[in-house]
Amino acid sequence: MFKKYLVLLFLLSLIAQANLSWGDTYNFRYTKWGMTPEEVIASESMTPIEKDEKKIKYKTRILNKNVELLYLFAQNKLIGASYKLDENYINSERFIKTYDRFKGELIKKYGPPKKDITHWKNDAFKSDRSKWGKALSFGYVEYFTYWEAPGTTVSCGLKEQNYYVLCSIDYWSMELSNLLDKNKKEDKPNPF
């Protein structure tokens, strides 16, 4: 009886180890870099709201915030993914608070960032912390944080672009992101 118990315990520990190592192989959510669009769609429980040869888009929530979830493809391979905040705030200070919350969660997951930049393009409001939201909405300041995980770059950014504040978390394959059309700047976000 004791032998059967030990054998059962041994088998359960092997299964647990296999499940833990299997789960660690994902690069983003339940996907791996290089997957096809069909494989990515099968990995999600939601229905896409938009799909073309370069992207699959979903609406979802993270950290109690509405976001667009984008999967990005080149040559029919998953090369990147992004969460883009899908909320509008009258007070731009709320964007900074959301960015700080996203950044804090990424620090918990990936540790200290490799880069953490606050880039002031215009110092008009730099010395008055209460006006940093205004500075953001005018395009005077941008925020960018960057990590490296196995095979993946992770970044969190906040900036004004075309009178709209963009807050996103981006994941890119280190190996496959070179498949992007280098002539199109909009394919891969550039923080500055």
N, C-alpha and C. Protein backbone atom coordinates (compact mmCIF):
# COMPACT_ATOMS: atom_id res chain seq x y z
N MET A 1 0.82 -1.19 0.00
CA MET A 1 0.00 0.00 0.00
C MET A 1 0.87 1.26 0.00
N PHE A 2 1.90 1.26 0.85
CA PHE A 2 2.79 2.41 0.92
C PHE A 2 3.52 2.64 -0.39
N LYS A 3 3.93 1.54 -1.08
CA LYS A 3 4.61 1.64 -2.38
C LYS A 3 3.70 2.28 -3.41
N LYS A 4 2.43 1.87 -3.43
CA LYS A 4 1.47 2.43 -4.38
C LYS A 4 1.31 3.94 -4.13
N TYR A 5 1.28 4.33 -2.87
CA TYR A 5 1.15 5.73 -2.51
C TYR A 5 2.36 6.52 -3.01
N LEU A 6 3.58 5.97 -2.83
CA LEU A 6 4.80 6.64 -3.30
C LEU A 6 4.82 6.75 -4.81
N VAL A 7 4.42 5.68 -5.50
CA VAL A 7 4.38 5.71 -6.96
C VAL A 7 3.38 6.77 -7.44
N LEU A 8 2.20 6.80 -6.80
CA LEU A 8 1.19 7.78 -7.16
C LEU A 8 1.69 9.20 -6.91
N LEU A 9 2.34 9.42 -5.78
CA LEU A 9 2.90 10.72 -5.45
C LEU A 9 3.97 11.13 -6.45
N PHE A 10 4.82 10.19 -6.85
CA PHE A 10 5.86 10.43 -7.84
C PHE A 10 5.24 10.82 -9.18
N LEU A 11 4.22 10.09 -9.62
CA LEU A 11 3.56 10.40 -10.90
C LEU A 11 2.89 11.77 -10.87
N LEU A 12 2.26 12.10 -9.76
CA LEU A 12 1.62 13.41 -9.64
C LEU A 12 2.65 14.53 -9.68
N SER A 13 3.81 14.32 -9.06
CA SER A 13 4.85 15.35 -9.10
C SER A 13 5.39 15.53 -10.52
N LEU A 14 5.52 14.45 -11.27
CA LEU A 14 5.96 14.56 -12.67
C LEU A 14 4.95 15.33 -13.50
N ILE A 15 3.66 15.04 -13.29
CA ILE A 15 2.62 15.75 -14.04
C ILE A 15 2.64 17.23 -13.68
N ALA A 16 2.79 17.55 -12.41
CA ALA A 16 2.83 18.95 -11.98
C ALA A 16 4.02 19.68 -12.59
N GLN A 17 5.19 19.02 -12.61
CA GLN A 17 6.37 19.63 -13.22
C GLN A 17 6.18 19.84 -14.71
N ALA A 18 5.57 18.87 -15.38
CA ALA A 18 5.32 19.00 -16.82
C ALA A 18 4.37 20.15 -17.08
N ASN A 19 3.32 20.29 -16.27
CA ASN A 19 2.38 21.39 -16.46
C ASN A 19 3.04 22.74 -16.21
N LEU A 20 3.90 22.83 -15.19
CA LEU A 20 4.57 24.09 -14.91
C LEU A 20 5.52 24.46 -16.05
N SER A 21 6.28 23.54 -16.54
CA SER A 21 7.22 23.86 -17.61
C SER A 21 6.48 24.12 -18.92
N TRP A 22 5.36 23.45 -19.14
CA TRP A 22 4.59 23.68 -20.35
C TRP A 22 4.02 25.08 -20.35
N GLY A 23 3.49 25.53 -19.22
CA GLY A 23 2.92 26.86 -19.10
C GLY A 23 3.95 27.96 -19.27
N ASP A 24 5.19 27.68 -18.93
CA ASP A 24 6.24 28.68 -19.04
C ASP A 24 6.68 28.92 -20.47
N THR A 25 6.20 28.14 -21.42
CA THR A 25 6.66 28.27 -22.79
C THR A 25 5.90 29.35 -23.57
N TYR A 26 4.87 29.94 -22.99
CA TYR A 26 4.14 30.99 -23.68
C TYR A 26 4.92 32.29 -23.64
N ASN A 27 4.83 33.05 -24.74
CA ASN A 27 5.46 34.36 -24.80
C ASN A 27 4.50 35.48 -24.40
N PHE A 28 3.22 35.31 -24.75
CA PHE A 28 2.21 36.32 -24.44
C PHE A 28 0.87 35.62 -24.33
N ARG A 29 0.21 35.82 -23.21
CA ARG A 29 -1.05 35.14 -22.92
C ARG A 29 -0.86 33.65 -23.17
N TYR A 30 -1.64 33.05 -24.06
CA TYR A 30 -1.50 31.61 -24.35
C TYR A 30 -0.96 31.39 -25.76
N THR A 31 -0.02 32.25 -26.16
CA THR A 31 0.55 32.16 -27.50
C THR A 31 2.07 32.10 -27.44
N LYS A 32 2.61 31.63 -28.55
CA LYS A 32 4.06 31.60 -28.74
C LYS A 32 4.37 32.36 -30.02
N TRP A 33 5.53 33.01 -30.03
CA TRP A 33 5.95 33.71 -31.25
C TRP A 33 6.04 32.72 -32.40
N GLY A 34 5.59 33.15 -33.56
CA GLY A 34 5.63 32.31 -34.75
C GLY A 34 4.32 31.59 -35.04
N MET A 35 3.36 31.65 -34.12
CA MET A 35 2.06 31.00 -34.35
C MET A 35 1.35 31.65 -35.54
N THR A 36 0.48 30.90 -36.18
CA THR A 36 -0.33 31.43 -37.27
C THR A 36 -1.54 32.17 -36.69
N PRO A 37 -2.20 33.00 -37.50
CA PRO A 37 -3.41 33.66 -37.01
C PRO A 37 -4.47 32.67 -36.52
N GLU A 38 -4.61 31.55 -37.21
CA GLU A 38 -5.59 30.54 -36.81
C GLU A 38 -5.27 29.96 -35.43
N GLU A 39 -3.98 29.73 -35.17
CA GLU A 39 -3.57 29.21 -33.86
C GLU A 39 -3.82 30.24 -32.75
N VAL A 40 -3.58 31.50 -33.05
CA VAL A 40 -3.81 32.56 -32.07
C VAL A 40 -5.30 32.66 -31.75
N ILE A 41 -6.15 32.64 -32.78
CA ILE A 41 -7.60 32.71 -32.56
C ILE A 41 -8.06 31.53 -31.71
N ALA A 42 -7.51 30.35 -31.97
CA ALA A 42 -7.87 29.16 -31.19
C ALA A 42 -7.43 29.28 -29.73
N SER A 43 -6.39 30.08 -29.46
CA SER A 43 -5.88 30.23 -28.09
C SER A 43 -6.74 31.16 -27.24
N GLU A 44 -7.56 31.98 -27.87
CA GLU A 44 -8.38 32.95 -27.16
C GLU A 44 -9.81 32.44 -27.01
N SER A 45 -10.45 32.78 -25.91
CA SER A 45 -11.85 32.40 -25.70
C SER A 45 -12.81 33.45 -26.26
N MET A 46 -12.27 34.60 -26.68
CA MET A 46 -13.09 35.69 -27.22
C MET A 46 -13.17 35.60 -28.74
N THR A 47 -14.12 36.33 -29.30
CA THR A 47 -14.26 36.44 -30.75
C THR A 47 -13.57 37.73 -31.19
N PRO A 48 -12.73 37.67 -32.24
CA PRO A 48 -12.07 38.90 -32.70
C PRO A 48 -13.10 39.92 -33.20
N ILE A 49 -12.79 41.20 -32.99
CA ILE A 49 -13.66 42.25 -33.54
C ILE A 49 -13.14 42.74 -34.88
N GLU A 50 -11.89 42.40 -35.18
CA GLU A 50 -11.30 42.79 -36.46
C GLU A 50 -10.16 41.82 -36.77
N LYS A 51 -10.00 41.52 -38.07
CA LYS A 51 -8.93 40.59 -38.47
C LYS A 51 -8.52 40.92 -39.89
N ASP A 52 -7.23 41.02 -40.13
CA ASP A 52 -6.69 41.11 -41.48
C ASP A 52 -5.34 40.39 -41.48
N GLU A 53 -4.59 40.49 -42.55
CA GLU A 53 -3.34 39.72 -42.64
C GLU A 53 -2.26 40.19 -41.68
N LYS A 54 -2.38 41.43 -41.16
CA LYS A 54 -1.36 41.97 -40.25
C LYS A 54 -1.76 41.94 -38.79
N LYS A 55 -3.07 41.84 -38.49
CA LYS A 55 -3.45 41.91 -37.08
C LYS A 55 -4.77 41.21 -36.80
N ILE A 56 -4.92 40.85 -35.53
CA ILE A 56 -6.20 40.36 -35.00
C ILE A 56 -6.47 41.24 -33.78
N LYS A 57 -7.68 41.80 -33.71
CA LYS A 57 -8.01 42.72 -32.63
C LYS A 57 -9.17 42.17 -31.80
N TYR A 58 -9.02 42.33 -30.48
CA TYR A 58 -10.05 41.97 -29.51
C TYR A 58 -10.30 43.17 -28.60
N LYS A 59 -11.43 43.18 -27.93
CA LYS A 59 -11.69 44.13 -26.83
C LYS A 59 -11.73 43.28 -25.57
N THR A 60 -11.00 43.72 -24.55
CA THR A 60 -10.98 42.98 -23.29
C THR A 60 -10.66 43.95 -22.15
N ARG A 61 -10.36 43.41 -20.99
CA ARG A 61 -10.01 44.22 -19.82
C ARG A 61 -8.77 43.65 -19.15
N ILE A 62 -7.90 44.53 -18.69
CA ILE A 62 -6.79 44.16 -17.82
C ILE A 62 -6.73 45.18 -16.70
N LEU A 63 -6.50 44.72 -15.50
CA LEU A 63 -6.39 45.59 -14.33
C LEU A 63 -7.57 46.55 -14.23
N ASN A 64 -8.76 46.04 -14.53
CA ASN A 64 -10.01 46.81 -14.49
C ASN A 64 -10.03 47.98 -15.47
N LYS A 65 -9.28 47.88 -16.55
CA LYS A 65 -9.25 48.91 -17.59
C LYS A 65 -9.65 48.28 -18.92
N ASN A 66 -10.42 49.03 -19.72
CA ASN A 66 -10.77 48.59 -21.07
C ASN A 66 -9.56 48.74 -21.97
N VAL A 67 -9.24 47.69 -22.72
CA VAL A 67 -8.10 47.73 -23.64
C VAL A 67 -8.46 47.05 -24.95
N GLU A 68 -7.75 47.46 -25.99
CA GLU A 68 -7.74 46.70 -27.24
C GLU A 68 -6.56 45.76 -27.15
N LEU A 69 -6.80 44.51 -27.44
CA LEU A 69 -5.76 43.50 -27.48
C LEU A 69 -5.45 43.26 -28.95
N LEU A 70 -4.22 43.50 -29.36
CA LEU A 70 -3.82 43.32 -30.74
C LEU A 70 -2.75 42.25 -30.84
N TYR A 71 -2.94 41.34 -31.77
CA TYR A 71 -1.90 40.38 -32.14
C TYR A 71 -1.39 40.81 -33.50
N LEU A 72 -0.08 40.91 -33.66
CA LEU A 72 0.52 41.44 -34.88
C LEU A 72 1.31 40.37 -35.61
N PHE A 73 1.14 40.33 -36.93
CA PHE A 73 1.72 39.27 -37.75
C PHE A 73 2.55 39.82 -38.91
N ALA A 74 3.53 39.06 -39.30
CA ALA A 74 4.30 39.30 -40.53
C ALA A 74 4.59 37.93 -41.11
N GLN A 75 4.39 37.80 -42.40
CA GLN A 75 4.60 36.53 -43.09
C GLN A 75 3.85 35.39 -42.40
N ASN A 76 2.62 35.68 -41.96
CA ASN A 76 1.73 34.70 -41.35
C ASN A 76 2.25 34.15 -40.02
N LYS A 77 3.15 34.91 -39.36
CA LYS A 77 3.71 34.49 -38.07
C LYS A 77 3.45 35.57 -37.03
N LEU A 78 3.10 35.14 -35.82
CA LEU A 78 2.92 36.08 -34.71
C LEU A 78 4.28 36.64 -34.32
N ILE A 79 4.40 37.97 -34.39
CA ILE A 79 5.67 38.61 -34.06
C ILE A 79 5.56 39.61 -32.90
N GLY A 80 4.32 40.00 -32.57
CA GLY A 80 4.14 40.97 -31.50
C GLY A 80 2.71 41.00 -31.01
N ALA A 81 2.51 41.66 -29.90
CA ALA A 81 1.18 41.80 -29.33
C ALA A 81 1.16 43.08 -28.50
N SER A 82 -0.04 43.60 -28.29
CA SER A 82 -0.14 44.87 -27.59
C SER A 82 -1.47 45.00 -26.87
N TYR A 83 -1.41 45.63 -25.71
CA TYR A 83 -2.62 46.09 -25.03
C TYR A 83 -2.61 47.61 -25.19
N LYS A 84 -3.67 48.16 -25.78
CA LYS A 84 -3.79 49.61 -25.91
C LYS A 84 -4.97 50.07 -25.09
N LEU A 85 -4.72 50.99 -24.17
CA LEU A 85 -5.79 51.51 -23.32
C LEU A 85 -6.91 52.05 -24.19
N ASP A 86 -8.13 51.65 -23.89
CA ASP A 86 -9.30 52.05 -24.68
C ASP A 86 -10.27 52.81 -23.78
N GLU A 87 -9.74 53.82 -23.10
CA GLU A 87 -10.54 54.66 -22.23
C GLU A 87 -10.14 56.11 -22.47
N ASN A 88 -11.09 57.00 -22.39
CA ASN A 88 -10.81 58.43 -22.51
C ASN A 88 -11.05 59.10 -21.17
N TYR A 89 -10.12 59.96 -20.80
CA TYR A 89 -10.24 60.69 -19.55
C TYR A 89 -10.23 62.18 -19.86
N ILE A 90 -11.08 62.91 -19.19
CA ILE A 90 -11.07 64.37 -19.33
C ILE A 90 -9.82 64.93 -18.68
N ASN A 91 -9.45 64.38 -17.53
CA ASN A 91 -8.25 64.79 -16.82
C ASN A 91 -7.11 63.85 -17.21
N SER A 92 -6.13 64.36 -17.94
CA SER A 92 -5.03 63.52 -18.43
C SER A 92 -4.16 62.96 -17.33
N GLU A 93 -4.28 63.49 -16.12
CA GLU A 93 -3.55 62.92 -14.97
C GLU A 93 -3.93 61.46 -14.78
N ARG A 94 -5.17 61.10 -15.13
CA ARG A 94 -5.61 59.70 -15.00
C ARG A 94 -4.83 58.77 -15.93
N PHE A 95 -4.40 59.28 -17.10
CA PHE A 95 -3.56 58.47 -17.98
C PHE A 95 -2.23 58.15 -17.30
N ILE A 96 -1.67 59.14 -16.63
CA ILE A 96 -0.39 58.93 -15.92
C ILE A 96 -0.58 57.90 -14.81
N LYS A 97 -1.67 57.98 -14.09
CA LYS A 97 -1.94 57.01 -13.02
C LYS A 97 -2.11 55.61 -13.59
N THR A 98 -2.80 55.49 -14.73
CA THR A 98 -2.98 54.18 -15.37
C THR A 98 -1.63 53.65 -15.85
N TYR A 99 -0.82 54.51 -16.47
CA TYR A 99 0.51 54.11 -16.91
C TYR A 99 1.33 53.61 -15.72
N ASP A 100 1.29 54.35 -14.61
CA ASP A 100 2.04 53.94 -13.42
C ASP A 100 1.55 52.59 -12.90
N ARG A 101 0.26 52.35 -12.99
CA ARG A 101 -0.28 51.06 -12.54
C ARG A 101 0.18 49.93 -13.46
N PHE A 102 0.09 50.14 -14.77
CA PHE A 102 0.58 49.13 -15.72
C PHE A 102 2.07 48.86 -15.47
N LYS A 103 2.84 49.92 -15.35
CA LYS A 103 4.29 49.79 -15.12
C LYS A 103 4.57 49.02 -13.83
N GLY A 104 3.82 49.33 -12.78
CA GLY A 104 4.01 48.63 -11.50
C GLY A 104 3.75 47.14 -11.62
N GLU A 105 2.72 46.76 -12.35
CA GLU A 105 2.43 45.34 -12.54
C GLU A 105 3.51 44.66 -13.37
N LEU A 106 4.04 45.36 -14.36
CA LEU A 106 5.13 44.79 -15.17
C LEU A 106 6.40 44.65 -14.34
N ILE A 107 6.66 45.57 -13.44
CA ILE A 107 7.82 45.44 -12.54
C ILE A 107 7.66 44.22 -11.65
N LYS A 108 6.44 43.99 -11.15
CA LYS A 108 6.20 42.79 -10.35
C LYS A 108 6.48 41.53 -11.15
N LYS A 109 6.13 41.54 -12.42
CA LYS A 109 6.28 40.35 -13.26
C LYS A 109 7.70 40.18 -13.78
N TYR A 110 8.35 41.28 -14.24
CA TYR A 110 9.64 41.17 -14.92
C TYR A 110 10.82 41.76 -14.14
N GLY A 111 10.55 42.38 -13.00
CA GLY A 111 11.62 42.97 -12.22
C GLY A 111 11.92 44.40 -12.67
N PRO A 112 13.02 44.94 -12.18
CA PRO A 112 13.37 46.32 -12.55
C PRO A 112 13.52 46.47 -14.06
N PRO A 113 13.06 47.57 -14.63
CA PRO A 113 13.17 47.75 -16.08
C PRO A 113 14.61 48.00 -16.52
N LYS A 114 14.86 47.66 -17.77
CA LYS A 114 16.16 47.92 -18.38
C LYS A 114 16.31 49.41 -18.67
N LYS A 115 15.17 50.04 -19.06
CA LYS A 115 15.13 51.48 -19.29
C LYS A 115 13.84 52.01 -18.69
N ASP A 116 13.92 53.19 -18.11
CA ASP A 116 12.75 53.88 -17.56
C ASP A 116 12.96 55.36 -17.84
N ILE A 117 12.26 55.87 -18.85
CA ILE A 117 12.53 57.21 -19.37
C ILE A 117 11.30 58.10 -19.26
N THR A 118 11.50 59.29 -18.75
CA THR A 118 10.52 60.37 -18.86
C THR A 118 11.18 61.42 -19.74
N HIS A 119 10.64 61.61 -20.93
CA HIS A 119 11.25 62.47 -21.93
C HIS A 119 10.45 63.78 -22.05
N TRP A 120 11.05 64.87 -21.61
CA TRP A 120 10.41 66.18 -21.69
C TRP A 120 10.82 66.85 -22.99
N LYS A 121 9.86 67.12 -23.86
CA LYS A 121 10.11 67.84 -25.11
C LYS A 121 9.99 69.35 -24.92
N ASN A 122 9.22 69.73 -23.89
CA ASN A 122 9.02 71.13 -23.56
C ASN A 122 8.92 71.21 -22.04
N ASP A 123 9.75 72.01 -21.42
CA ASP A 123 9.83 72.07 -19.96
C ASP A 123 8.79 72.98 -19.30
N ALA A 124 7.81 73.47 -20.07
CA ALA A 124 6.86 74.47 -19.56
C ALA A 124 6.20 74.06 -18.24
N PHE A 125 5.83 72.79 -18.08
CA PHE A 125 5.15 72.35 -16.86
C PHE A 125 5.99 71.39 -16.01
N LYS A 126 7.23 71.22 -16.38
CA LYS A 126 8.06 70.21 -15.73
C LYS A 126 8.20 70.42 -14.22
N SER A 127 8.30 71.65 -13.78
CA SER A 127 8.53 71.92 -12.35
C SER A 127 7.24 71.90 -11.53
N ASP A 128 6.07 71.78 -12.18
CA ASP A 128 4.80 71.78 -11.45
C ASP A 128 4.11 70.42 -11.64
N ARG A 129 4.31 69.52 -10.69
CA ARG A 129 3.77 68.15 -10.77
C ARG A 129 2.26 68.14 -11.02
N SER A 130 1.54 69.12 -10.52
CA SER A 130 0.08 69.15 -10.70
C SER A 130 -0.33 69.40 -12.15
N LYS A 131 0.61 69.78 -13.01
CA LYS A 131 0.29 70.07 -14.42
C LYS A 131 0.89 69.04 -15.38
N TRP A 132 1.38 67.93 -14.85
CA TRP A 132 1.97 66.94 -15.74
C TRP A 132 0.93 66.30 -16.65
N GLY A 133 -0.30 66.16 -16.20
CA GLY A 133 -1.36 65.66 -17.07
C GLY A 133 -1.58 66.58 -18.24
N LYS A 134 -1.57 67.86 -17.98
CA LYS A 134 -1.71 68.87 -19.05
C LYS A 134 -0.50 68.78 -20.00
N ALA A 135 0.69 68.65 -19.42
CA ALA A 135 1.90 68.52 -20.24
C ALA A 135 1.80 67.31 -21.17
N LEU A 136 1.27 66.20 -20.64
CA LEU A 136 1.07 65.00 -21.45
C LEU A 136 0.11 65.28 -22.60
N SER A 137 -1.03 65.88 -22.30
CA SER A 137 -2.03 66.11 -23.35
C SER A 137 -1.55 67.10 -24.40
N PHE A 138 -0.61 68.00 -24.06
CA PHE A 138 -0.03 68.93 -25.03
C PHE A 138 1.14 68.31 -25.80
N GLY A 139 1.55 67.10 -25.41
CA GLY A 139 2.68 66.45 -26.08
C GLY A 139 4.02 66.93 -25.57
N TYR A 140 4.06 67.54 -24.39
CA TYR A 140 5.30 68.06 -23.83
C TYR A 140 6.13 66.98 -23.15
N VAL A 141 5.50 65.87 -22.76
CA VAL A 141 6.22 64.82 -22.03
C VAL A 141 5.75 63.45 -22.53
N GLU A 142 6.67 62.50 -22.53
CA GLU A 142 6.38 61.11 -22.90
C GLU A 142 7.04 60.20 -21.88
N TYR A 143 6.45 59.03 -21.67
CA TYR A 143 6.96 58.06 -20.72
C TYR A 143 7.21 56.75 -21.45
N PHE A 144 8.31 56.09 -21.09
CA PHE A 144 8.64 54.82 -21.73
C PHE A 144 9.43 53.96 -20.75
N THR A 145 9.00 52.70 -20.61
CA THR A 145 9.69 51.73 -19.76
C THR A 145 9.88 50.46 -20.57
N TYR A 146 11.02 49.79 -20.39
CA TYR A 146 11.40 48.68 -21.24
C TYR A 146 12.03 47.55 -20.44
N TRP A 147 11.62 46.30 -20.76
CA TRP A 147 12.19 45.09 -20.15
C TRP A 147 12.58 44.11 -21.23
N GLU A 148 13.43 43.17 -20.86
CA GLU A 148 13.71 42.02 -21.71
C GLU A 148 13.36 40.77 -20.93
N ALA A 149 12.56 39.92 -21.56
CA ALA A 149 12.20 38.61 -21.01
C ALA A 149 12.75 37.58 -22.00
N PRO A 150 12.77 36.32 -21.67
CA PRO A 150 13.30 35.33 -22.61
C PRO A 150 12.61 35.41 -23.98
N GLY A 151 13.38 35.81 -25.00
CA GLY A 151 12.89 35.88 -26.38
C GLY A 151 11.94 37.03 -26.67
N THR A 152 11.73 37.91 -25.69
CA THR A 152 10.69 38.93 -25.83
C THR A 152 11.16 40.26 -25.26
N THR A 153 10.82 41.35 -25.96
CA THR A 153 10.97 42.68 -25.38
C THR A 153 9.58 43.13 -24.95
N VAL A 154 9.53 43.77 -23.81
CA VAL A 154 8.27 44.25 -23.24
C VAL A 154 8.45 45.74 -22.97
N SER A 155 7.48 46.54 -23.39
CA SER A 155 7.56 47.97 -23.10
C SER A 155 6.20 48.50 -22.69
N CYS A 156 6.24 49.57 -21.95
CA CYS A 156 5.04 50.28 -21.54
C CYS A 156 5.28 51.74 -21.90
N GLY A 157 4.35 52.34 -22.63
CA GLY A 157 4.56 53.70 -23.07
C GLY A 157 3.32 54.56 -22.90
N LEU A 158 3.56 55.86 -22.79
CA LEU A 158 2.48 56.83 -22.66
C LEU A 158 2.93 58.10 -23.38
N LYS A 159 2.12 58.54 -24.36
CA LYS A 159 2.46 59.76 -25.10
C LYS A 159 1.22 60.30 -25.80
N GLU A 160 1.32 61.55 -26.24
CA GLU A 160 0.28 62.18 -27.04
C GLU A 160 0.65 62.01 -28.50
N GLN A 161 -0.35 61.68 -29.31
CA GLN A 161 -0.13 61.56 -30.75
C GLN A 161 -1.41 61.98 -31.46
N ASN A 162 -1.31 62.99 -32.28
CA ASN A 162 -2.47 63.48 -33.05
C ASN A 162 -3.65 63.82 -32.14
N TYR A 163 -3.39 64.54 -31.06
CA TYR A 163 -4.41 64.99 -30.11
C TYR A 163 -5.10 63.86 -29.36
N TYR A 164 -4.43 62.75 -29.25
CA TYR A 164 -4.97 61.58 -28.55
C TYR A 164 -3.86 61.01 -27.67
N VAL A 165 -4.18 60.69 -26.43
CA VAL A 165 -3.17 60.12 -25.52
C VAL A 165 -3.16 58.61 -25.71
N LEU A 166 -1.99 58.07 -26.00
CA LEU A 166 -1.80 56.64 -26.20
C LEU A 166 -1.08 56.03 -25.00
N CYS A 167 -1.68 55.01 -24.43
CA CYS A 167 -1.06 54.26 -23.34
C CYS A 167 -1.08 52.80 -23.76
N SER A 168 0.08 52.16 -23.84
CA SER A 168 0.11 50.78 -24.32
C SER A 168 1.18 49.96 -23.63
N ILE A 169 0.96 48.66 -23.67
CA ILE A 169 1.96 47.67 -23.26
C ILE A 169 2.21 46.83 -24.50
N ASP A 170 3.47 46.78 -24.93
CA ASP A 170 3.82 46.10 -26.17
C ASP A 170 4.79 44.96 -25.92
N TYR A 171 4.57 43.86 -26.61
CA TYR A 171 5.42 42.67 -26.55
C TYR A 171 5.90 42.37 -27.96
N TRP A 172 7.21 42.14 -28.12
CA TRP A 172 7.76 41.83 -29.44
C TRP A 172 8.70 40.63 -29.35
N SER A 173 8.62 39.80 -30.36
CA SER A 173 9.56 38.70 -30.48
C SER A 173 10.93 39.26 -30.83
N MET A 174 11.95 38.88 -30.08
CA MET A 174 13.31 39.32 -30.41
C MET A 174 13.78 38.72 -31.72
N GLU A 175 13.35 37.51 -31.97
CA GLU A 175 13.81 36.79 -33.16
C GLU A 175 13.02 37.16 -34.42
N LEU A 176 11.71 37.34 -34.30
CA LEU A 176 10.87 37.49 -35.48
C LEU A 176 10.48 38.92 -35.82
N SER A 177 10.73 39.89 -34.94
CA SER A 177 10.30 41.26 -35.24
C SER A 177 11.03 41.84 -36.44
N ASN A 178 12.13 41.22 -36.85
CA ASN A 178 12.84 41.68 -38.05
C ASN A 178 12.05 41.38 -39.33
N LEU A 179 10.95 40.63 -39.23
CA LEU A 179 10.13 40.36 -40.40
C LEU A 179 9.24 41.54 -40.80
N LEU A 180 9.19 42.56 -39.95
CA LEU A 180 8.38 43.73 -40.26
C LEU A 180 8.88 44.42 -41.52
N ASP A 181 7.95 45.03 -42.23
CA ASP A 181 8.33 45.85 -43.38
C ASP A 181 9.05 47.08 -42.85
N LYS A 182 10.33 47.18 -43.10
CA LYS A 182 11.14 48.25 -42.54
C LYS A 182 10.76 49.63 -43.08
N ASN A 183 10.00 49.66 -44.17
CA ASN A 183 9.59 50.94 -44.74
C ASN A 183 8.39 51.56 -44.04
N LYS A 184 7.74 50.81 -43.15
CA LYS A 184 6.53 51.30 -42.50
C LYS A 184 6.80 51.52 -41.02
N LYS A 185 6.96 52.75 -40.63
CA LYS A 185 7.26 53.10 -39.25
C LYS A 185 6.12 52.75 -38.30
N GLU A 186 4.88 52.75 -38.79
CA GLU A 186 3.74 52.53 -37.89
C GLU A 186 3.61 51.07 -37.44
N ASP A 187 4.32 50.14 -38.08
CA ASP A 187 4.19 48.73 -37.70
C ASP A 187 4.66 48.48 -36.28
N LYS A 188 5.82 49.01 -35.93
CA LYS A 188 6.37 48.78 -34.59
C LYS A 188 6.46 50.13 -33.88
N PRO A 189 5.87 50.21 -32.69
CA PRO A 189 5.87 51.49 -31.98
C PRO A 189 7.28 52.01 -31.72
N ASN A 190 7.46 53.30 -31.89
CA ASN A 190 8.71 53.96 -31.57
C ASN A 190 8.41 54.91 -30.42
N PRO A 191 9.03 54.69 -29.25
CA PRO A 191 8.67 55.50 -28.10
C PRO A 191 9.00 56.98 -28.26
N PHE A 192 10.06 57.33 -29.00
CA PHE A 192 10.44 58.74 -29.17
C PHE A 192 10.88 59.00 -30.57
